Amino acid sequence: MEMCEASDRADLSEKPPLPPNWILPHPAYQQMKNLEVGDSAQVHAAFLVYMDLTHVRQWKEVSSVKSTELEVVLLEGREKEGSPIQTVLPLPVHQSLSHRSIRHVLDRGFPMLLCAVASDSTLVYQRMTDGLVTPDPPVGFFQDVGRRRNRKRRQQH
């Protein structure tokens, strides 16, 4: 076993380290920059979200598009093969968002996710909908409590 561990360490040490700023030459980042959105912080946020969607969450067919009205980079992709296209609005946490902006993205006709991007690269996704959506019923402890209450009521009558 020790030999395998040593050879694994040797393999890791042979890989060249990433350059200090590996983001700049990345093809997806270059494509986003070519969309000529004025806000470089929003382009950076869009790239971080792109990397999360493609490499961590394994989304399919993720592409970047420019919203000329909002002057932002939007991402479009599929959560799974064959699922509907969703629009993702990456937004640095220091930027504000208006109802008009949300309405504009929702009017594209695809389900929308807002992704807040913190300065430490933390990503928080929030599903946005057109109108009110009834929440899913609770799962877990609360669901069991409701069943117990109903059972006790039935036993008393």
C-alpha atoms as a PDB file:
ATOM      1  CA  MET A   1       0.000   0.000   0.000  1.00  0.00           C
ATOM      2  CA  GLU A   2       2.801   2.397   0.782  1.00  0.00           C
ATOM      3  CA  MET A   3       4.126   2.012  -2.765  1.00  0.00           C
ATOM      4  CA  CYS A   4       0.764   2.988  -4.239  1.00  0.00           C
ATOM      5  CA  GLU A   5       0.530   6.033  -2.023  1.00  0.00           C
ATOM      6  CA  ALA A   6       4.048   7.087  -2.979  1.00  0.00           C
ATOM      7  CA  SER A   7       3.329   6.671  -6.694  1.00  0.00           C
ATOM      8  CA  ASP A   8       0.073   8.644  -6.299  1.00  0.00           C
ATOM      9  CA  ARG A   9       2.012  11.464  -4.662  1.00  0.00           C
ATOM     10  CA  ALA A  10       4.544  11.383  -7.480  1.00  0.00           C
ATOM     11  CA  ASP A  11       1.739  11.629 -10.048  1.00  0.00           C
ATOM     12  CA  LEU A  12       0.299  14.641  -8.252  1.00  0.00           C
ATOM     13  CA  SER A  13       3.640  16.373  -8.058  1.00  0.00           C
ATOM     14  CA  GLU A  14       4.217  15.894 -11.809  1.00  0.00           C
ATOM     15  CA  LYS A  15       1.111  17.906 -12.734  1.00  0.00           C
ATOM     16  CA  PRO A  16       2.065  21.469 -13.528  1.00  0.00           C
ATOM     17  CA  PRO A  17       0.595  23.977 -11.087  1.00  0.00           C
ATOM     18  CA  LEU A  18      -2.108  26.289 -12.342  1.00  0.00           C
ATOM     19  CA  PRO A  19      -0.856  29.699 -13.399  1.00  0.00           C
ATOM     20  CA  PRO A  20      -1.563  32.452 -10.862  1.00  0.00           C
ATOM     21  CA  ASN A  21      -4.465  33.816 -12.912  1.00  0.00           C
ATOM     22  CA  TRP A  22      -5.818  30.784 -14.759  1.00  0.00           C
ATOM     23  CA  ILE A  23      -9.245  32.397 -15.260  1.00  0.00           C
ATOM     24  CA  LEU A  24      -8.176  34.985 -17.846  1.00  0.00           C
ATOM     25  CA  PRO A  25      -7.157  32.568 -20.632  1.00  0.00           C
ATOM     26  CA  HIS A  26     -10.082  30.176 -20.013  1.00  0.00           C
ATOM     27  CA  PRO A  27     -12.232  29.874 -23.189  1.00  0.00           C
ATOM     28  CA  ALA A  28     -15.528  30.373 -21.319  1.00  0.00           C
ATOM     29  CA  TYR A  29     -14.187  33.526 -19.650  1.00  0.00           C
ATOM     30  CA  GLN A  30     -12.929  34.844 -22.989  1.00  0.00           C
ATOM     31  CA  GLN A  31     -16.355  34.219 -24.531  1.00  0.00           C
ATOM     32  CA  MET A  32     -18.020  36.159 -21.703  1.00  0.00           C
ATOM     33  CA  LYS A  33     -15.563  39.027 -22.107  1.00  0.00           C
ATOM     34  CA  ASN A  34     -16.304  39.117 -25.838  1.00  0.00           C
ATOM     35  CA  LEU A  35     -19.964  39.805 -25.025  1.00  0.00           C
ATOM     36  CA  GLU A  36     -18.699  43.283 -24.039  1.00  0.00           C
ATOM     37  CA  VAL A  37     -20.613  43.727 -20.807  1.00  0.00           C
ATOM     38  CA  GLY A  38     -19.291  46.819 -19.065  1.00  0.00           C
ATOM     39  CA  ASP A  39     -19.172  45.382 -15.540  1.00  0.00           C
ATOM     40  CA  SER A  40     -16.088  43.184 -15.082  1.00  0.00           C
ATOM     41  CA  ALA A  41     -17.272  42.093 -11.593  1.00  0.00           C
ATOM     42  CA  GLN A  42     -20.459  40.684 -13.108  1.00  0.00           C
ATOM     43  CA  VAL A  43     -18.444  38.877 -15.820  1.00  0.00           C
ATOM     44  CA  HIS A  44     -16.232  37.367 -13.108  1.00  0.00           C
ATOM     45  CA  ALA A  45     -19.331  36.313 -11.149  1.00  0.00           C
ATOM     46  CA  ALA A  46     -20.810  34.753 -14.293  1.00  0.00           C
ATOM     47  CA  PHE A  47     -17.626  32.767 -14.838  1.00  0.00           C
ATOM     48  CA  LEU A  48     -17.633  31.423 -11.263  1.00  0.00           C
ATOM     49  CA  VAL A  49     -21.256  30.358 -11.665  1.00  0.00           C
ATOM     50  CA  TYR A  50     -20.429  28.793 -15.047  1.00  0.00           C
ATOM     51  CA  MET A  51     -17.667  26.731 -13.434  1.00  0.00           C
ATOM     52  CA  ASP A  52     -20.020  25.624 -10.632  1.00  0.00           C
ATOM     53  CA  LEU A  53     -22.792  24.646 -13.043  1.00  0.00           C
ATOM     54  CA  THR A  54     -20.547  22.755 -15.472  1.00  0.00           C
ATOM     55  CA  HIS A  55     -17.987  21.124 -13.179  1.00  0.00           C
ATOM     56  CA  VAL A  56     -19.743  20.727  -9.822  1.00  0.00           C
ATOM     57  CA  ARG A  57     -23.439  20.436 -10.653  1.00  0.00           C
ATOM     58  CA  GLN A  58     -22.807  18.763 -14.044  1.00  0.00           C
ATOM     59  CA  TRP A  59     -25.306  20.871 -15.999  1.00  0.00           C
ATOM     60  CA  LYS A  60     -25.541  20.256 -19.734  1.00  0.00           C
ATOM     61  CA  GLU A  61     -25.338  22.695 -22.651  1.00  0.00           C
ATOM     62  CA  VAL A  62     -24.378  25.714 -20.527  1.00  0.00           C
ATOM     63  CA  SER A  63     -23.783  28.848 -22.582  1.00  0.00           C
ATOM     64  CA  SER A  64     -23.409  32.547 -21.895  1.00  0.00           C
ATOM     65  CA  VAL A  65     -25.630  35.173 -23.505  1.00  0.00           C
ATOM     66  CA  LYS A  66     -25.720  38.932 -23.201  1.00  0.00           C
ATOM     67  CA  SER A  67     -28.781  40.758 -21.971  1.00  0.00           C
ATOM     68  CA  THR A  68     -28.516  44.044 -23.833  1.00  0.00           C
ATOM     69  CA  GLU A  69     -31.270  45.641 -21.730  1.00  0.00           C
ATOM     70  CA  LEU A  70     -29.607  44.807 -18.412  1.00  0.00           C
ATOM     71  CA  GLU A  71     -25.976  44.845 -19.634  1.00  0.00           C
ATOM     72  CA  VAL A  72     -25.223  41.553 -17.881  1.00  0.00           C
ATOM     73  CA  VAL A  73     -24.077  38.071 -18.800  1.00  0.00           C
ATOM     74  CA  LEU A  74     -26.804  35.469 -18.384  1.00  0.00           C
ATOM     75  CA  LEU A  75     -26.172  31.737 -18.397  1.00  0.00           C
ATOM     76  CA  GLU A  76     -28.507  29.240 -20.010  1.00  0.00           C
ATOM     77  CA  GLY A  77     -28.336  25.509 -19.552  1.00  0.00           C
ATOM     78  CA  ARG A  78     -30.039  22.269 -18.660  1.00  0.00           C
ATOM     79  CA  GLU A  79     -29.859  20.763 -15.187  1.00  0.00           C
ATOM     80  CA  LYS A  80     -30.039  17.271 -16.746  1.00  0.00           C
ATOM     81  CA  GLU A  81     -30.075  15.900 -20.271  1.00  0.00           C
ATOM     82  CA  GLY A  82     -33.539  16.491 -21.710  1.00  0.00           C
ATOM     83  CA  SER A  83     -34.693  18.853 -18.946  1.00  0.00           C
ATOM     84  CA  PRO A  84     -35.949  22.344 -19.858  1.00  0.00           C
ATOM     85  CA  ILE A  85     -33.506  25.201 -20.380  1.00  0.00           C
ATOM     86  CA  GLN A  86     -33.060  27.472 -17.360  1.00  0.00           C
ATOM     87  CA  THR A  87     -31.698  30.997 -17.228  1.00  0.00           C
ATOM     88  CA  VAL A  88     -29.241  31.896 -14.468  1.00  0.00           C
ATOM     89  CA  LEU A  89     -28.572  35.521 -13.525  1.00  0.00           C
ATOM     90  CA  PRO A  90     -25.174  35.683 -11.768  1.00  0.00           C
ATOM     91  CA  LEU A  91     -24.960  38.759  -9.587  1.00  0.00           C
ATOM     92  CA  PRO A  92     -22.201  39.950  -7.252  1.00  0.00           C
ATOM     93  CA  VAL A  93     -23.683  40.491  -3.778  1.00  0.00           C
ATOM     94  CA  HIS A  94     -22.829  44.198  -3.796  1.00  0.00           C
ATOM     95  CA  GLN A  95     -25.026  44.841  -6.862  1.00  0.00           C
ATOM     96  CA  SER A  96     -28.671  45.706  -6.445  1.00  0.00           C
ATOM     97  CA  LEU A  97     -31.483  44.205  -8.470  1.00  0.00           C
ATOM     98  CA  SER A  98     -34.741  45.844  -9.496  1.00  0.00           C
ATOM     99  CA  HIS A  99     -38.131  44.289 -10.144  1.00  0.00           C
ATOM    100  CA  ARG A 100     -37.743  45.400 -13.750  1.00  0.00           C
ATOM    101  CA  SER A 101     -34.539  43.381 -14.051  1.00  0.00           C
ATOM    102  CA  ILE A 102     -36.181  40.256 -12.675  1.00  0.00           C
ATOM    103  CA  ARG A 103     -39.200  40.779 -14.932  1.00  0.00           C
ATOM    104  CA  HIS A 104     -36.926  41.141 -17.966  1.00  0.00           C
ATOM    105  CA  VAL A 105     -35.200  37.817 -17.257  1.00  0.00           C
ATOM    106  CA  LEU A 106     -38.488  36.038 -16.482  1.00  0.00           C
ATOM    107  CA  ASP A 107     -39.956  37.337 -19.759  1.00  0.00           C
ATOM    108  CA  ARG A 108     -37.364  35.296 -21.652  1.00  0.00           C
ATOM    109  CA  GLY A 109     -39.689  32.343 -21.085  1.00  0.00           C
ATOM    110  CA  PHE A 110     -37.297  30.045 -19.223  1.00  0.00           C
ATOM    111  CA  PRO A 111     -37.299  29.189 -15.512  1.00  0.00           C
ATOM    112  CA  MET A 112     -34.909  31.555 -13.721  1.00  0.00           C
ATOM    113  CA  LEU A 113     -32.300  31.141 -11.022  1.00  0.00           C
ATOM    114  CA  LEU A 114     -30.706  34.133  -9.353  1.00  0.00           C
ATOM    115  CA  CYS A 115     -27.193  33.354  -8.147  1.00  0.00           C
ATOM    116  CA  ALA A 116     -25.654  35.698  -5.577  1.00  0.00           C
ATOM    117  CA  VAL A 117     -21.858  35.549  -5.729  1.00  0.00           C
ATOM    118  CA  ALA A 118     -19.962  36.620  -2.598  1.00  0.00           C
ATOM    119  CA  SER A 119     -16.418  38.025  -2.628  1.00  0.00           C
ATOM    120  CA  ASP A 120     -15.113  34.700  -1.236  1.00  0.00           C
ATOM    121  CA  SER A 121     -16.734  32.872  -4.222  1.00  0.00           C
ATOM    122  CA  THR A 122     -19.627  31.520  -2.164  1.00  0.00           C
ATOM    123  CA  LEU A 123     -22.629  30.934  -4.431  1.00  0.00           C
ATOM    124  CA  VAL A 124     -26.252  31.066  -3.292  1.00  0.00           C
ATOM    125  CA  TYR A 125     -28.975  30.094  -5.760  1.00  0.00           C
ATOM    126  CA  GLN A 126     -32.565  31.321  -5.494  1.00  0.00           C
ATOM    127  CA  ARG A 127     -35.322  30.143  -7.826  1.00  0.00           C
ATOM    128  CA  MET A 128     -37.396  33.034  -9.147  1.00  0.00           C
ATOM    129  CA  THR A 129     -40.925  32.554 -10.461  1.00  0.00           C
ATOM    130  CA  ASP A 130     -43.562  34.565 -12.232  1.00  0.00           C
ATOM    131  CA  GLY A 131     -46.140  35.032  -9.468  1.00  0.00           C
ATOM    132  CA  LEU A 132     -46.622  33.173  -6.205  1.00  0.00           C
ATOM    133  CA  VAL A 133     -45.816  29.500  -5.892  1.00  0.00           C
ATOM    134  CA  THR A 134     -47.294  27.269  -3.220  1.00  0.00           C
ATOM    135  CA  PRO A 135     -44.484  25.767  -1.132  1.00  0.00           C
ATOM    136  CA  ASP A 136     -43.907  22.028  -1.040  1.00  0.00           C
ATOM    137  CA  PRO A 137     -45.262  20.283   2.062  1.00  0.00           C
ATOM    138  CA  PRO A 138     -42.755  19.876   4.882  1.00  0.00           C
ATOM    139  CA  VAL A 139     -40.595  16.786   4.928  1.00  0.00           C
ATOM    140  CA  GLY A 140     -39.228  14.978   7.949  1.00  0.00           C
ATOM    141  CA  PHE A 141     -40.032  15.721  11.561  1.00  0.00           C
ATOM    142  CA  PHE A 142     -42.894  18.145  10.866  1.00  0.00           C
ATOM    143  CA  GLN A 143     -44.622  15.687   8.571  1.00  0.00           C
ATOM    144  CA  ASP A 144     -44.477  12.968  11.260  1.00  0.00           C
ATOM    145  CA  VAL A 145     -45.861  15.349  13.922  1.00  0.00           C
ATOM    146  CA  GLY A 146     -48.915  16.038  11.770  1.00  0.00           C
ATOM    147  CA  ARG A 147     -49.565  12.322  11.319  1.00  0.00           C
ATOM    148  CA  ARG A 148     -49.288  11.702  15.073  1.00  0.00           C
ATOM    149  CA  ARG A 149     -51.755  14.501  15.839  1.00  0.00           C
ATOM    150  CA  ASN A 150     -54.282  13.120  13.359  1.00  0.00           C
ATOM    151  CA  ARG A 151     -53.876   9.607  14.794  1.00  0.00           C
ATOM    152  CA  LYS A 152     -54.467  10.886  18.348  1.00  0.00           C
ATOM    153  CA  ARG A 153     -57.608  12.739  17.220  1.00  0.00           C
ATOM    154  CA  ARG A 154     -58.957   9.592  15.562  1.00  0.00           C
ATOM    155  CA  GLN A 155     -58.309   7.545  18.708  1.00  0.00           C
ATOM    156  CA  GLN A 156     -60.157  10.064  20.903  1.00  0.00           C
ATOM    157  CA  HIS A 157     -63.347  10.025  18.761  1.00  0.00           C
END
